[in-house]
Amino acid sequence: MQFQDLAAGLKTALAPLWVVTGEEPLLMLEAADMIRSKARQEGCTEREVLNASAVWDWSKLFDACQAMSLFGDKKIVELRLASPKPGVKGAEVLSQLSQTPLEGVVVIITIPWDWSLRSAAWYKKLTAAARTVECALVSARELPAWFRERLGRLGLTAQAEAVEILSERCEGNLLAANQEVLKLYYRFGRDHHVTADDVSGSVLDVASFDAENLLEAVFGGDGAKAVRILENLRAKGEAIPSFLWAISEDIRCALRLRVLMDQGVAQAAAAERLRIFPRERKRRAMAASRRMSARKLASALMLAADIDKISKGLVVADRDSDAWIELASLASFLAR
């Protein structure tokens, strides 16, 4: 189930085994909180937290699950994985756990998300036996609704402009976004209508972006946001080669697609022929090929190649020596 379905899912009898995973740490924390709260309602009075890694003593997990409560009550066992790779022994124990009857205990396993999980045999066995909660990232498009819901929980309402500023300043950093909502609550109290001035005066710019955000802005046609994301990545110390390859690959996919379209091939058929993946890259390539010519995309690819050289200390004729300036030009050029 998705995080938003968890509250409804907890209205039925509580399962003994839960897996909480995803890319959004705040939602993973809240999902575990909700399951714990339900477990306490059903008589779990003790709680044991285990922090596991590939080199951890995995026998402790079964010891915790089988140890009786001092008072004979039910018990919560939380297993927190440091990474989605538990190691050979961890994979073996988690596979065994999926086939072990659990009595008098509720086990909550939190696992940081990684694409490789879906193909891992131990993960397939574990999630087949457990109720799984997936905590996906809250996108920029979903963030305004998320803020309204969070403010509403605390008895606050907000102007549309206030929500827009909150979303802009907190995008990509949900933990900080939640703190900013609480800050507004503590400052103004319940039943307050949050204005744009309230937000401008009290909410910090805590937005955090990654390469995926940059690609969405560039190929979605939002040049101003793309430049802002570049400034954020530069301030964080990101190395240009770590994300320039992704921009270049998106441009190549869009260019190949545009060339086929110019030859009379329907866009959907061209995309299938090129087998563009993952799905997000295919969507961006289709959007870019609709609004850009093959000539423009080829020029963008040449500029990306020059930026790669500049970022490695080489001099490129007629280009600025600061690769970040040229990156901003590339982002604006593609977004136009």
C-alpha atoms as a PDB file:
ATOM      1  CA  MET A   1       0.000   0.000   0.000  1.00  0.00           C
ATOM      2  CA  GLN A   2       1.009   3.633  -0.401  1.00  0.00           C
ATOM      3  CA  PHE A   3       1.572   5.870   2.627  1.00  0.00           C
ATOM      4  CA  GLN A   4      -1.719   7.687   2.055  1.00  0.00           C
ATOM      5  CA  ASP A   5      -3.595   4.362   2.325  1.00  0.00           C
ATOM      6  CA  LEU A   6      -2.035   3.362   5.649  1.00  0.00           C
ATOM      7  CA  ALA A   7      -4.574   5.058   7.936  1.00  0.00           C
ATOM      8  CA  ALA A   8      -7.415   3.124   6.290  1.00  0.00           C
ATOM      9  CA  GLY A   9      -5.354  -0.081   6.317  1.00  0.00           C
ATOM     10  CA  LEU A  10      -4.841   0.170  10.074  1.00  0.00           C
ATOM     11  CA  LYS A  11      -8.574   0.130  10.754  1.00  0.00           C
ATOM     12  CA  THR A  12      -8.543  -3.653  10.299  1.00  0.00           C
ATOM     13  CA  ALA A  13      -6.723  -6.188  12.505  1.00  0.00           C
ATOM     14  CA  LEU A  14      -3.017  -5.439  12.845  1.00  0.00           C
ATOM     15  CA  ALA A  15      -0.686  -7.735  10.873  1.00  0.00           C
ATOM     16  CA  PRO A  16       2.298  -9.166  12.804  1.00  0.00           C
ATOM     17  CA  LEU A  17       4.876  -8.242  10.135  1.00  0.00           C
ATOM     18  CA  TRP A  18       5.321  -4.842   8.433  1.00  0.00           C
ATOM     19  CA  VAL A  19       7.814  -3.493   5.914  1.00  0.00           C
ATOM     20  CA  VAL A  20       8.169   0.278   5.543  1.00  0.00           C
ATOM     21  CA  THR A  21      10.269   1.498   2.639  1.00  0.00           C
ATOM     22  CA  GLY A  22      10.564   4.459   0.303  1.00  0.00           C
ATOM     23  CA  GLU A  23      12.559   7.515  -0.669  1.00  0.00           C
ATOM     24  CA  GLU A  24      10.855   9.939   1.730  1.00  0.00           C
ATOM     25  CA  PRO A  25      12.350   9.717   5.258  1.00  0.00           C
ATOM     26  CA  LEU A  26       9.633  11.830   6.918  1.00  0.00           C
ATOM     27  CA  LEU A  27       6.830   9.620   5.628  1.00  0.00           C
ATOM     28  CA  MET A  28       8.745   6.486   6.649  1.00  0.00           C
ATOM     29  CA  LEU A  29       9.051   7.851  10.189  1.00  0.00           C
ATOM     30  CA  GLU A  30       5.360   8.725  10.293  1.00  0.00           C
ATOM     31  CA  ALA A  31       4.324   5.338   8.880  1.00  0.00           C
ATOM     32  CA  ALA A  32       6.284   3.543  11.614  1.00  0.00           C
ATOM     33  CA  ASP A  33       4.704   5.881  14.207  1.00  0.00           C
ATOM     34  CA  MET A  34       1.203   5.021  12.970  1.00  0.00           C
ATOM     35  CA  ILE A  35       1.869   1.264  13.084  1.00  0.00           C
ATOM     36  CA  ARG A  36       3.382   1.577  16.585  1.00  0.00           C
ATOM     37  CA  SER A  37       0.346   3.525  17.792  1.00  0.00           C
ATOM     38  CA  LYS A  38      -2.001   0.834  16.483  1.00  0.00           C
ATOM     39  CA  ALA A  39       0.148  -1.887  18.086  1.00  0.00           C
ATOM     40  CA  ARG A  40      -0.043  -0.149  21.459  1.00  0.00           C
ATOM     41  CA  GLN A  41      -3.820   0.029  21.151  1.00  0.00           C
ATOM     42  CA  GLU A  42      -3.805  -3.736  20.653  1.00  0.00           C
ATOM     43  CA  GLY A  43      -1.772  -4.399  23.800  1.00  0.00           C
ATOM     44  CA  CYS A  44       1.875  -4.076  22.809  1.00  0.00           C
ATOM     45  CA  THR A  45       3.416  -2.537  25.911  1.00  0.00           C
ATOM     46  CA  GLU A  46       7.109  -3.179  25.226  1.00  0.00           C
ATOM     47  CA  ARG A  47       9.311  -2.045  22.368  1.00  0.00           C
ATOM     48  CA  GLU A  48      12.772  -3.112  21.208  1.00  0.00           C
ATOM     49  CA  VAL A  49      14.670  -1.232  18.489  1.00  0.00           C
ATOM     50  CA  LEU A  50      17.402  -2.974  16.469  1.00  0.00           C
ATOM     51  CA  ASN A  51      19.742  -1.118  14.093  1.00  0.00           C
ATOM     52  CA  ALA A  52      21.021  -3.567  11.490  1.00  0.00           C
ATOM     53  CA  SER A  53      23.678  -3.592   8.790  1.00  0.00           C
ATOM     54  CA  ALA A  54      25.407  -6.187   6.633  1.00  0.00           C
ATOM     55  CA  VAL A  55      27.948  -6.863   9.418  1.00  0.00           C
ATOM     56  CA  TRP A  56      25.405  -6.922  12.269  1.00  0.00           C
ATOM     57  CA  ASP A  57      24.750 -10.011  14.412  1.00  0.00           C
ATOM     58  CA  TRP A  58      21.509 -11.109  12.746  1.00  0.00           C
ATOM     59  CA  SER A  59      20.770 -13.739  15.388  1.00  0.00           C
ATOM     60  CA  LYS A  60      19.584 -10.858  17.587  1.00  0.00           C
ATOM     61  CA  LEU A  61      16.493 -10.454  15.405  1.00  0.00           C
ATOM     62  CA  PHE A  62      15.094 -13.900  16.210  1.00  0.00           C
ATOM     63  CA  ASP A  63      16.146 -13.485  19.848  1.00  0.00           C
ATOM     64  CA  ALA A  64      14.091 -10.278  20.039  1.00  0.00           C
ATOM     65  CA  CYS A  65      11.067 -11.831  18.323  1.00  0.00           C
ATOM     66  CA  GLN A  66      11.057 -14.893  20.567  1.00  0.00           C
ATOM     67  CA  ALA A  67      11.846 -13.196  23.911  1.00  0.00           C
ATOM     68  CA  MET A  68       8.713 -12.978  26.030  1.00  0.00           C
ATOM     69  CA  SER A  69       7.642  -9.699  27.598  1.00  0.00           C
ATOM     70  CA  LEU A  70       8.276  -9.467  31.349  1.00  0.00           C
ATOM     71  CA  PHE A  71       4.551  -9.181  31.949  1.00  0.00           C
ATOM     72  CA  GLY A  72       3.425 -11.526  29.203  1.00  0.00           C
ATOM     73  CA  ASP A  73       2.154  -8.637  27.066  1.00  0.00           C
ATOM     74  CA  LYS A  74       2.670  -8.185  23.351  1.00  0.00           C
ATOM     75  CA  LYS A  75       5.858  -6.587  22.104  1.00  0.00           C
ATOM     76  CA  ILE A  76       6.960  -4.301  19.250  1.00  0.00           C
ATOM     77  CA  VAL A  77      10.252  -5.142  17.527  1.00  0.00           C
ATOM     78  CA  GLU A  78      11.597  -2.503  15.155  1.00  0.00           C
ATOM     79  CA  LEU A  79      14.371  -3.465  12.769  1.00  0.00           C
ATOM     80  CA  ARG A  80      15.975  -0.483  11.047  1.00  0.00           C
ATOM     81  CA  LEU A  81      18.238  -1.323   8.110  1.00  0.00           C
ATOM     82  CA  ALA A  82      21.097   1.106   7.486  1.00  0.00           C
ATOM     83  CA  SER A  83      21.005   0.299   3.748  1.00  0.00           C
ATOM     84  CA  PRO A  84      18.915  -1.785   1.333  1.00  0.00           C
ATOM     85  CA  LYS A  85      21.745  -4.364   1.199  1.00  0.00           C
ATOM     86  CA  PRO A  86      21.598  -6.510   4.369  1.00  0.00           C
ATOM     87  CA  GLY A  87      24.416  -8.817   3.293  1.00  0.00           C
ATOM     88  CA  VAL A  88      24.320 -12.591   2.790  1.00  0.00           C
ATOM     89  CA  LYS A  89      23.480 -13.426   6.409  1.00  0.00           C
ATOM     90  CA  GLY A  90      20.896 -10.657   6.651  1.00  0.00           C
ATOM     91  CA  ALA A  91      19.176 -11.770   3.454  1.00  0.00           C
ATOM     92  CA  GLU A  92      19.041 -15.329   4.789  1.00  0.00           C
ATOM     93  CA  VAL A  93      17.553 -14.276   8.143  1.00  0.00           C
ATOM     94  CA  LEU A  94      14.963 -11.966   6.560  1.00  0.00           C
ATOM     95  CA  SER A  95      13.910 -14.772   4.210  1.00  0.00           C
ATOM     96  CA  GLN A  96      13.504 -17.080   7.222  1.00  0.00           C
ATOM     97  CA  LEU A  97      11.532 -14.426   9.085  1.00  0.00           C
ATOM     98  CA  SER A  98       9.017 -14.276   6.253  1.00  0.00           C
ATOM     99  CA  GLN A  99       8.195 -17.959   6.908  1.00  0.00           C
ATOM    100  CA  THR A 100       8.263 -17.787  10.722  1.00  0.00           C
ATOM    101  CA  PRO A 101       4.967 -17.631  12.672  1.00  0.00           C
ATOM    102  CA  LEU A 102       5.022 -14.514  14.862  1.00  0.00           C
ATOM    103  CA  GLU A 103       3.079 -14.690  18.117  1.00  0.00           C
ATOM    104  CA  GLY A 104       2.829 -11.957  20.721  1.00  0.00           C
ATOM    105  CA  VAL A 105       5.002  -9.635  18.637  1.00  0.00           C
ATOM    106  CA  VAL A 106       4.597  -6.982  15.935  1.00  0.00           C
ATOM    107  CA  VAL A 107       7.703  -6.607  13.756  1.00  0.00           C
ATOM    108  CA  ILE A 108       8.270  -3.358  11.839  1.00  0.00           C
ATOM    109  CA  ILE A 109      11.149  -3.397   9.333  1.00  0.00           C
ATOM    110  CA  THR A 110      12.225  -0.084   7.779  1.00  0.00           C
ATOM    111  CA  ILE A 111      14.365  -0.272   4.643  1.00  0.00           C
ATOM    112  CA  PRO A 112      15.815   2.650   2.638  1.00  0.00           C
ATOM    113  CA  TRP A 113      14.592   2.341  -0.937  1.00  0.00           C
ATOM    114  CA  ASP A 114      16.781   1.256  -3.828  1.00  0.00           C
ATOM    115  CA  TRP A 115      15.763   0.082  -7.306  1.00  0.00           C
ATOM    116  CA  SER A 116      17.603  -3.214  -6.757  1.00  0.00           C
ATOM    117  CA  LEU A 117      15.184  -4.217  -3.968  1.00  0.00           C
ATOM    118  CA  ARG A 118      12.459  -5.324  -6.368  1.00  0.00           C
ATOM    119  CA  SER A 119      14.705  -8.020  -7.846  1.00  0.00           C
ATOM    120  CA  ALA A 120      16.151  -9.211  -4.519  1.00  0.00           C
ATOM    121  CA  ALA A 121      14.871 -12.685  -3.590  1.00  0.00           C
ATOM    122  CA  TRP A 122      14.851 -11.947   0.163  1.00  0.00           C
ATOM    123  CA  TYR A 123      12.828  -8.759  -0.402  1.00  0.00           C
ATOM    124  CA  LYS A 124      10.269 -10.586  -2.539  1.00  0.00           C
ATOM    125  CA  LYS A 125       9.803 -13.243   0.162  1.00  0.00           C
ATOM    126  CA  LEU A 126       9.623 -10.660   2.936  1.00  0.00           C
ATOM    127  CA  THR A 127       7.058  -8.418   1.229  1.00  0.00           C
ATOM    128  CA  ALA A 128       4.971 -11.429   0.204  1.00  0.00           C
ATOM    129  CA  ALA A 129       4.543 -12.286   3.882  1.00  0.00           C
ATOM    130  CA  ALA A 130       4.329  -8.728   5.249  1.00  0.00           C
ATOM    131  CA  ARG A 131       2.109  -5.714   4.807  1.00  0.00           C
ATOM    132  CA  THR A 132       4.264  -3.257   2.894  1.00  0.00           C
ATOM    133  CA  VAL A 133       4.024   0.531   3.070  1.00  0.00           C
ATOM    134  CA  GLU A 134       5.732   2.472   0.265  1.00  0.00           C
ATOM    135  CA  CYS A 135       6.612   6.091   1.051  1.00  0.00           C
ATOM    136  CA  ALA A 136       7.169   7.790  -2.301  1.00  0.00           C
ATOM    137  CA  LEU A 137       8.669  11.252  -2.692  1.00  0.00           C
ATOM    138  CA  VAL A 138       6.213  14.143  -2.634  1.00  0.00           C
ATOM    139  CA  SER A 139       6.629  15.839  -6.012  1.00  0.00           C
ATOM    140  CA  ALA A 140       6.626  19.587  -6.607  1.00  0.00           C
ATOM    141  CA  ARG A 141       3.145  19.198  -8.101  1.00  0.00           C
ATOM    142  CA  GLU A 142       1.849  17.457  -4.974  1.00  0.00           C
ATOM    143  CA  LEU A 143       3.565  19.737  -2.458  1.00  0.00           C
ATOM    144  CA  PRO A 144       0.907  22.507  -2.276  1.00  0.00           C
ATOM    145  CA  ALA A 145      -1.810  19.958  -1.389  1.00  0.00           C
ATOM    146  CA  TRP A 146       0.571  18.378   1.136  1.00  0.00           C
ATOM    147  CA  PHE A 147       1.094  21.758   2.822  1.00  0.00           C
ATOM    148  CA  ARG A 148      -2.644  22.497   2.961  1.00  0.00           C
ATOM    149  CA  GLU A 149      -3.300  19.115   4.575  1.00  0.00           C
ATOM    150  CA  ARG A 150      -0.495  19.583   7.131  1.00  0.00           C
ATOM    151  CA  LEU A 151      -1.610  23.089   8.007  1.00  0.00           C
ATOM    152  CA  GLY A 152      -5.203  21.868   8.297  1.00  0.00           C
ATOM    153  CA  ARG A 153      -4.162  19.213  10.832  1.00  0.00           C
ATOM    154  CA  LEU A 154      -2.965  22.038  13.089  1.00  0.00           C
ATOM    155  CA  GLY A 155      -6.066  24.182  12.585  1.00  0.00           C
ATOM    156  CA  LEU A 156      -4.408  26.588  10.129  1.00  0.00           C
ATOM    157  CA  THR A 157      -5.564  27.820   6.738  1.00  0.00           C
ATOM    158  CA  ALA A 158      -3.411  29.619   4.185  1.00  0.00           C
ATOM    159  CA  GLN A 159      -3.540  31.976   1.232  1.00  0.00           C
ATOM    160  CA  ALA A 160      -2.726  30.417  -2.137  1.00  0.00           C
ATOM    161  CA  GLU A 161       0.322  32.689  -2.406  1.00  0.00           C
ATOM    162  CA  ALA A 162       1.509  31.572   1.056  1.00  0.00           C
ATOM    163  CA  VAL A 163       1.300  27.923   0.003  1.00  0.00           C
ATOM    164  CA  GLU A 164       3.153  28.734  -3.213  1.00  0.00           C
ATOM    165  CA  ILE A 165       6.029  30.337  -1.278  1.00  0.00           C
ATOM    166  CA  LEU A 166       6.155  27.411   1.155  1.00  0.00           C
ATOM    167  CA  SER A 167       6.336  24.947  -1.733  1.00  0.00           C
ATOM    168  CA  GLU A 168       9.071  26.886  -3.489  1.00  0.00           C
ATOM    169  CA  ARG A 169      11.214  27.252  -0.376  1.00  0.00           C
ATOM    170  CA  CYS A 170      10.825  23.680   0.868  1.00  0.00           C
ATOM    171  CA  GLU A 171      10.765  21.571  -2.296  1.00  0.00           C
ATOM    172  CA  GLY A 172      12.774  18.380  -2.044  1.00  0.00           C
ATOM    173  CA  ASN A 173      13.215  18.613   1.730  1.00  0.00           C
ATOM    174  CA  LEU A 174      10.082  17.268   3.412  1.00  0.00           C
ATOM    175  CA  LEU A 175      11.655  16.954   6.856  1.00  0.00           C
ATOM    176  CA  ALA A 176      12.471  20.665   6.834  1.00  0.00           C
ATOM    177  CA  ALA A 177       9.060  21.440   5.310  1.00  0.00           C
ATOM    178  CA  ASN A 178       7.360  19.767   8.255  1.00  0.00           C
ATOM    179  CA  GLN A 179       9.492  21.811  10.656  1.00  0.00           C
ATOM    180  CA  GLU A 180       8.473  25.029   8.888  1.00  0.00           C
ATOM    181  CA  VAL A 181       4.789  24.100   9.235  1.00  0.00           C
ATOM    182  CA  LEU A 182       5.291  23.502  12.960  1.00  0.00           C
ATOM    183  CA  LYS A 183       7.141  26.814  13.210  1.00  0.00           C
ATOM    184  CA  LEU A 184       4.117  28.624  11.748  1.00  0.00           C
ATOM    185  CA  TYR A 185       1.838  26.830  14.203  1.00  0.00           C
ATOM    186  CA  TYR A 186       3.973  27.679  17.227  1.00  0.00           C
ATOM    187  CA  ARG A 187       4.214  31.306  16.140  1.00  0.00           C
ATOM    188  CA  PHE A 188       0.580  31.994  15.238  1.00  0.00           C
ATOM    189  CA  GLY A 189      -1.450  29.260  16.974  1.00  0.00           C
ATOM    190  CA  ARG A 190      -4.651  27.551  15.836  1.00  0.00           C
ATOM    191  CA  ASP A 191      -7.339  29.215  13.689  1.00  0.00           C
ATOM    192  CA  HIS A 192      -4.806  31.531  12.044  1.00  0.00           C
ATOM    193  CA  HIS A 193      -5.013  32.284   8.319  1.00  0.00           C
ATOM    194  CA  VAL A 194      -1.425  32.169   7.089  1.00  0.00           C
ATOM    195  CA  THR A 195      -0.574  34.971   4.660  1.00  0.00           C
ATOM    196  CA  ALA A 196       2.256  35.387   2.187  1.00  0.00           C
ATOM    197  CA  ASP A 197       3.835  37.949   4.543  1.00  0.00           C
ATOM    198  CA  ASP A 198       3.709  35.419   7.410  1.00  0.00           C
ATOM    199  CA  VAL A 199       5.611  32.897   5.312  1.00  0.00           C
ATOM    200  CA  SER A 200       8.102  35.382   3.844  1.00  0.00           C
ATOM    201  CA  GLY A 201       8.946  36.608   7.317  1.00  0.00           C
ATOM    202  CA  SER A 202       9.351  33.291   9.086  1.00  0.00           C
ATOM    203  CA  VAL A 203      10.067  30.445   6.631  1.00  0.00           C
ATOM    204  CA  LEU A 204      13.632  29.795   5.516  1.00  0.00           C
ATOM    205  CA  ASP A 205      14.621  28.690   2.035  1.00  0.00           C
ATOM    206  CA  VAL A 206      15.427  25.050   2.812  1.00  0.00           C
ATOM    207  CA  ALA A 207      14.756  23.596  -0.630  1.00  0.00           C
ATOM    208  CA  SER A 208      17.007  20.722  -1.619  1.00  0.00           C
ATOM    209  CA  PHE A 209      17.305  19.479  -5.187  1.00  0.00           C
ATOM    210  CA  ASP A 210      18.941  16.632  -7.058  1.00  0.00           C
ATOM    211  CA  ALA A 211      19.664  15.761 -10.678  1.00  0.00           C
ATOM    212  CA  GLU A 212      16.141  14.411 -11.205  1.00  0.00           C
ATOM    213  CA  ASN A 213      14.640  17.760 -10.168  1.00  0.00           C
ATOM    214  CA  LEU A 214      16.979  19.510 -12.592  1.00  0.00           C
ATOM    215  CA  LEU A 215      15.968  17.260 -15.488  1.00  0.00           C
ATOM    216  CA  GLU A 216      12.272  17.793 -14.773  1.00  0.00           C
ATOM    217  CA  ALA A 217      12.707  21.577 -14.784  1.00  0.00           C
ATOM    218  CA  VAL A 218      14.914  21.698 -17.880  1.00  0.00           C
ATOM    219  CA  PHE A 219      12.832  19.402 -20.064  1.00  0.00           C
ATOM    220  CA  GLY A 220       9.579  20.654 -18.582  1.00  0.00           C
ATOM    221  CA  GLY A 221      10.336  24.140 -19.882  1.00  0.00           C
ATOM    222  CA  ASP A 222      10.878  25.908 -16.520  1.00  0.00           C
ATOM    223  CA  GLY A 223      14.145  27.766 -17.101  1.00  0.00           C
ATOM    224  CA  ALA A 224      13.969  29.936 -13.971  1.00  0.00           C
ATOM    225  CA  LYS A 225      13.553  26.908 -11.737  1.00  0.00           C
ATOM    226  CA  ALA A 226      16.330  25.050 -13.558  1.00  0.00           C
ATOM    227  CA  VAL A 227      18.767  27.893 -12.865  1.00  0.00           C
ATOM    228  CA  ARG A 228      17.689  27.982  -9.198  1.00  0.00           C
ATOM    229  CA  ILE A 229      18.306  24.231  -8.920  1.00  0.00           C
ATOM    230  CA  LEU A 230      21.768  24.663 -10.453  1.00  0.00           C
ATOM    231  CA  GLU A 231      22.572  27.309  -7.823  1.00  0.00           C
ATOM    232  CA  ASN A 232      21.393  24.884  -5.133  1.00  0.00           C
ATOM    233  CA  LEU A 233      23.530  22.032  -6.511  1.00  0.00           C
ATOM    234  CA  ARG A 234      26.562  24.300  -6.726  1.00  0.00           C
ATOM    235  CA  ALA A 235      26.090  25.471  -3.122  1.00  0.00           C
ATOM    236  CA  LYS A 236      25.890  21.826  -1.996  1.00  0.00           C
ATOM    237  CA  GLY A 237      29.217  21.098  -3.696  1.00  0.00           C
ATOM    238  CA  GLU A 238      27.861  18.732  -6.350  1.00  0.00           C
ATOM    239  CA  ALA A 239      30.363  17.806  -9.055  1.00  0.00           C
ATOM    240  CA  ILE A 240      29.132  18.702 -12.544  1.00  0.00           C
ATOM    241  CA  PRO A 241      30.038  15.306 -14.119  1.00  0.00           C
ATOM    242  CA  SER A 242      27.798  13.589 -11.527  1.00  0.00           C
ATOM    243  CA  PHE A 243      24.669  14.912 -13.251  1.00  0.00           C
ATOM    244  CA  LEU A 244      25.788  16.287 -16.648  1.00  0.00           C
ATOM    245  CA  TRP A 245      25.788  12.763 -18.080  1.00  0.00           C
ATOM    246  CA  ALA A 246      22.059  12.481 -17.251  1.00  0.00           C
ATOM    247  CA  ILE A 247      21.278  15.750 -19.049  1.00  0.00           C
ATOM    248  CA  SER A 248      23.297  14.590 -22.064  1.00  0.00           C
ATOM    249  CA  GLU A 249      21.539  11.217 -22.149  1.00  0.00           C
ATOM    250  CA  ASP A 250      18.115  12.903 -22.057  1.00  0.00           C
ATOM    251  CA  ILE A 251      19.141  15.185 -24.921  1.00  0.00           C
ATOM    252  CA  ARG A 252      20.365  12.182 -26.968  1.00  0.00           C
ATOM    253  CA  CYS A 253      17.086  10.336 -26.426  1.00  0.00           C
ATOM    254  CA  ALA A 254      15.052  13.396 -27.426  1.00  0.00           C
ATOM    255  CA  LEU A 255      17.260  13.943 -30.504  1.00  0.00           C
ATOM    256  CA  ARG A 256      16.904  10.350 -31.718  1.00  0.00           C
ATOM    257  CA  LEU A 257      13.171  10.599 -31.191  1.00  0.00           C
ATOM    258  CA  ARG A 258      12.926  13.902 -33.067  1.00  0.00           C
ATOM    259  CA  VAL A 259      14.915  12.497 -36.019  1.00  0.00           C
ATOM    260  CA  LEU A 260      12.487   9.580 -36.365  1.00  0.00           C
ATOM    261  CA  MET A 261       9.530  11.945 -36.063  1.00  0.00           C
ATOM    262  CA  ASP A 262      10.984  14.096 -38.866  1.00  0.00           C
ATOM    263  CA  GLN A 263      11.147  10.934 -40.965  1.00  0.00           C
ATOM    264  CA  GLY A 264       7.394  10.519 -40.549  1.00  0.00           C
ATOM    265  CA  VAL A 265       7.311   8.023 -37.687  1.00  0.00           C
ATOM    266  CA  ALA A 266       4.596   8.679 -35.105  1.00  0.00           C
ATOM    267  CA  GLN A 267       6.059   9.755 -31.756  1.00  0.00           C
ATOM    268  CA  ALA A 268       4.641   6.841 -29.754  1.00  0.00           C
ATOM    269  CA  ALA A 269       5.901   4.328 -32.314  1.00  0.00           C
ATOM    270  CA  ALA A 270       9.310   6.032 -32.423  1.00  0.00           C
ATOM    271  CA  ALA A 271       9.591   5.884 -28.636  1.00  0.00           C
ATOM    272  CA  GLU A 272       8.761   2.170 -28.658  1.00  0.00           C
ATOM    273  CA  ARG A 273      11.332   1.519 -31.376  1.00  0.00           C
ATOM    274  CA  LEU A 274      14.062   3.327 -29.412  1.00  0.00           C
ATOM    275  CA  ARG A 275      13.156   1.500 -26.174  1.00  0.00           C
ATOM    276  CA  ILE A 276      13.805   4.561 -23.994  1.00  0.00           C
ATOM    277  CA  PHE A 277      13.855   3.827 -20.274  1.00  0.00           C
ATOM    278  CA  PRO A 278      13.301   4.437 -17.439  1.00  0.00           C
ATOM    279  CA  ARG A 279       9.755   5.738 -17.774  1.00  0.00           C
ATOM    280  CA  GLU A 280      10.674   9.241 -16.544  1.00  0.00           C
ATOM    281  CA  ARG A 281      13.345   9.637 -19.241  1.00  0.00           C
ATOM    282  CA  LYS A 282      10.891   8.491 -21.912  1.00  0.00           C
ATOM    283  CA  ARG A 283       8.344  11.065 -20.727  1.00  0.00           C
ATOM    284  CA  ARG A 284      10.934  13.872 -20.764  1.00  0.00           C
ATOM    285  CA  ALA A 285      12.229  12.852 -24.202  1.00  0.00           C
ATOM    286  CA  MET A 286       8.724  12.856 -25.641  1.00  0.00           C
ATOM    287  CA  ALA A 287       7.996  16.295 -24.186  1.00  0.00           C
ATOM    288  CA  ALA A 288      11.294  17.728 -25.460  1.00  0.00           C
ATOM    289  CA  SER A 289      10.966  16.238 -28.949  1.00  0.00           C
ATOM    290  CA  ARG A 290       7.527  17.801 -29.318  1.00  0.00           C
ATOM    291  CA  ARG A 291       8.735  21.354 -28.715  1.00  0.00           C
ATOM    292  CA  MET A 292      12.351  21.294 -30.006  1.00  0.00           C
ATOM    293  CA  SER A 293      13.811  20.713 -33.444  1.00  0.00           C
ATOM    294  CA  ALA A 294      16.556  18.204 -34.204  1.00  0.00           C
ATOM    295  CA  ARG A 295      18.906  21.110 -34.910  1.00  0.00           C
ATOM    296  CA  LYS A 296      18.306  22.690 -31.501  1.00  0.00           C
ATOM    297  CA  LEU A 297      18.766  19.372 -29.693  1.00  0.00           C
ATOM    298  CA  ALA A 298      22.003  18.692 -31.610  1.00  0.00           C
ATOM    299  CA  SER A 299      23.304  22.148 -30.635  1.00  0.00           C
ATOM    300  CA  ALA A 300      22.403  21.461 -26.989  1.00  0.00           C
ATOM    301  CA  LEU A 301      24.301  18.152 -27.121  1.00  0.00           C
ATOM    302  CA  MET A 302      27.400  19.929 -28.479  1.00  0.00           C
ATOM    303  CA  LEU A 303      27.159  22.509 -25.671  1.00  0.00           C
ATOM    304  CA  ALA A 304      26.875  19.711 -23.098  1.00  0.00           C
ATOM    305  CA  ALA A 305      30.053  18.156 -24.498  1.00  0.00           C
ATOM    306  CA  ASP A 306      31.853  21.495 -24.190  1.00  0.00           C
ATOM    307  CA  ILE A 307      30.656  21.894 -20.580  1.00  0.00           C
ATOM    308  CA  ASP A 308      32.070  18.464 -19.782  1.00  0.00           C
ATOM    309  CA  LYS A 309      35.477  19.575 -21.067  1.00  0.00           C
ATOM    310  CA  ILE A 310      35.354  22.870 -19.143  1.00  0.00           C
ATOM    311  CA  SER A 311      34.386  21.074 -15.915  1.00  0.00           C
ATOM    312  CA  LYS A 312      37.563  18.987 -16.318  1.00  0.00           C
ATOM    313  CA  GLY A 313      39.800  22.042 -16.652  1.00  0.00           C
ATOM    314  CA  LEU A 314      40.040  22.261 -20.431  1.00  0.00           C
ATOM    315  CA  VAL A 315      39.699  25.513 -22.388  1.00  0.00           C
ATOM    316  CA  VAL A 316      36.959  25.625 -24.999  1.00  0.00           C
ATOM    317  CA  ALA A 317      36.930  28.427 -27.565  1.00  0.00           C
ATOM    318  CA  ASP A 318      34.033  30.899 -27.296  1.00  0.00           C
ATOM    319  CA  ARG A 319      32.869  29.394 -23.998  1.00  0.00           C
ATOM    320  CA  ASP A 320      33.085  30.812 -20.472  1.00  0.00           C
ATOM    321  CA  SER A 321      35.716  29.228 -18.252  1.00  0.00           C
ATOM    322  CA  ASP A 322      33.089  28.750 -15.504  1.00  0.00           C
ATOM    323  CA  ALA A 323      31.226  25.522 -16.340  1.00  0.00           C
ATOM    324  CA  TRP A 324      28.316  26.529 -14.068  1.00  0.00           C
ATOM    325  CA  ILE A 325      27.655  29.631 -16.184  1.00  0.00           C
ATOM    326  CA  GLU A 326      27.565  27.511 -19.318  1.00  0.00           C
ATOM    327  CA  LEU A 327      25.278  25.028 -17.548  1.00  0.00           C
ATOM    328  CA  ALA A 328      22.837  27.834 -16.792  1.00  0.00           C
ATOM    329  CA  SER A 329      22.949  28.786 -20.490  1.00  0.00           C
ATOM    330  CA  LEU A 330      22.263  25.176 -21.486  1.00  0.00           C
ATOM    331  CA  ALA A 331      19.352  24.892 -19.059  1.00  0.00           C
ATOM    332  CA  SER A 332      17.804  28.136 -20.302  1.00  0.00           C
ATOM    333  CA  PHE A 333      18.372  27.144 -23.952  1.00  0.00           C
ATOM    334  CA  LEU A 334      16.624  23.781 -23.491  1.00  0.00           C
ATOM    335  CA  ALA A 335      13.792  25.220 -21.409  1.00  0.00           C
ATOM    336  CA  ARG A 336      12.950  27.970 -23.907  1.00  0.00           C
END
